[in-house]
Protein backbone atom coordinates (compact mmCIF):
# COMPACT_ATOMS: atom_id res chain seq x y z
CA MET A 1 -7.44 16.21 0.58
CA ILE A 2 -6.58 12.76 -0.68
CA ILE A 3 -8.26 9.85 1.22
CA VAL A 4 -7.77 6.20 1.00
CA ASN A 5 -10.37 3.58 2.00
CA GLN A 6 -10.60 -0.21 1.69
CA VAL A 7 -13.80 -1.18 -0.26
CA LYS A 8 -15.20 -4.37 -1.74
CA SER A 9 -14.51 -4.88 -5.46
CA ASN A 10 -17.49 -4.91 -7.63
CA ARG A 11 -15.81 -7.30 -9.95
CA SER A 12 -14.80 -10.03 -7.39
CA GLU A 13 -15.16 -10.94 -3.70
CA PHE A 14 -11.94 -9.20 -2.81
CA MET A 15 -11.19 -5.95 -0.92
CA VAL A 16 -9.45 -3.19 -3.03
CA TRP A 17 -8.13 0.23 -1.99
CA GLN A 18 -9.86 3.38 -3.26
CA VAL A 19 -7.90 6.58 -3.66
CA ALA A 20 -9.95 9.66 -3.95
CA ILE A 21 -9.84 13.47 -3.59
CA THR A 22 -12.59 14.91 -1.54
CA GLY A 23 -14.85 17.13 -3.40
CA GLU A 24 -14.12 15.54 -6.77
CA PRO A 25 -15.95 12.69 -8.46
CA PHE A 26 -12.60 11.02 -9.22
CA ALA A 27 -11.62 7.72 -7.67
CA GLN A 28 -8.80 5.21 -8.52
CA TYR A 29 -8.84 1.55 -7.22
CA CYS A 30 -5.75 -0.33 -6.45
CA LYS A 31 -5.17 -4.01 -5.64
CA SER A 32 -2.41 -3.60 -2.98
CA PRO A 33 -1.87 -1.08 -0.29
CA LEU A 34 1.60 -0.25 -1.58
CA LYS A 35 0.20 0.77 -4.95
CA ALA A 36 -2.45 2.90 -3.35
CA LEU A 37 0.19 4.69 -1.24
CA ARG A 38 2.33 5.27 -4.33
CA PHE A 39 -0.68 6.58 -6.35
CA ALA A 40 -1.55 8.86 -3.44
CA PHE A 41 1.75 10.31 -3.45
CA MET A 42 1.87 10.75 -7.16
CA LEU A 43 -1.52 12.74 -6.85
CA LYS A 44 0.00 14.80 -4.05
CA LYS A 45 2.87 15.72 -6.35
CA SER A 46 0.86 16.45 -9.46
CA LYS A 47 -2.34 18.17 -7.91
CA GLY A 48 -0.66 19.72 -4.97
CA VAL A 49 -3.22 18.24 -2.39
CA LYS A 50 -2.43 16.84 0.99
CA ILE A 51 -2.89 13.21 1.86
CA SER A 52 -4.71 12.35 4.96
CA MET A 53 -2.44 11.21 7.74
CA GLU A 54 -4.93 8.73 8.74
CA SER A 55 -4.98 7.26 5.27
CA ILE A 56 -1.03 7.02 5.30
CA ALA A 57 -1.05 5.38 8.80
CA ILE A 58 -3.45 2.81 7.64
CA LEU A 59 -1.80 1.96 4.46
CA GLN A 60 1.57 1.63 6.18
CA LEU A 61 0.06 -0.62 8.71
CA GLU A 62 -1.34 -2.93 6.17
CA ILE A 63 1.91 -2.92 4.13
CA SER A 64 3.83 -3.97 7.18
CA ARG A 65 1.27 -6.72 7.91
CA GLN A 66 1.63 -8.11 4.43
CA ARG A 67 5.45 -8.09 4.60
CA GLU A 68 5.30 -9.82 7.86
CA SER A 69 3.04 -12.49 6.61
CA ALA A 70 5.04 -12.97 3.39
CA GLN A 71 8.16 -13.36 5.67
CA GLY A 72 6.25 -15.91 7.72
CA GLN A 73 5.42 -17.95 4.71
CA ASN A 74 9.04 -17.77 3.35
CA PRO A 75 11.28 -18.12 6.45
CA VAL A 76 14.81 -17.10 5.55
CA ASP A 77 17.63 -19.03 7.15
CA ALA A 78 20.10 -16.75 8.90
CA GLU A 79 23.14 -18.62 7.72
CA SER A 80 22.20 -18.53 4.06
CA VAL A 81 21.84 -14.75 4.28
CA LEU A 82 25.19 -14.27 5.94
CA SER A 83 26.94 -16.58 3.54
CA SER A 84 25.39 -14.67 0.53
CA GLU A 85 26.49 -11.41 2.05
CA ALA A 86 29.99 -12.60 2.42
CA ALA A 87 30.22 -13.95 -1.00
CA ALA A 88 29.24 -10.60 -2.44
């Protein structure tokens, strides 16, 4: 089974995402939850191993948190979105 955990990087003070297959010494580290999720699905396809539903839920929650914070930092004016859609 593929599991994903957030661990502290040994190269910096930041947290990274560890993608691993239980029972194997293999582990891959990703800087973002989106990349960790993509890598987990790639492993699932290539190895035929299931992904832990708990890991998927945690990654999706973290991805949505990051997107919300990014939107909060860059608020988009509704009028500019409508005018750009009308122009297209």
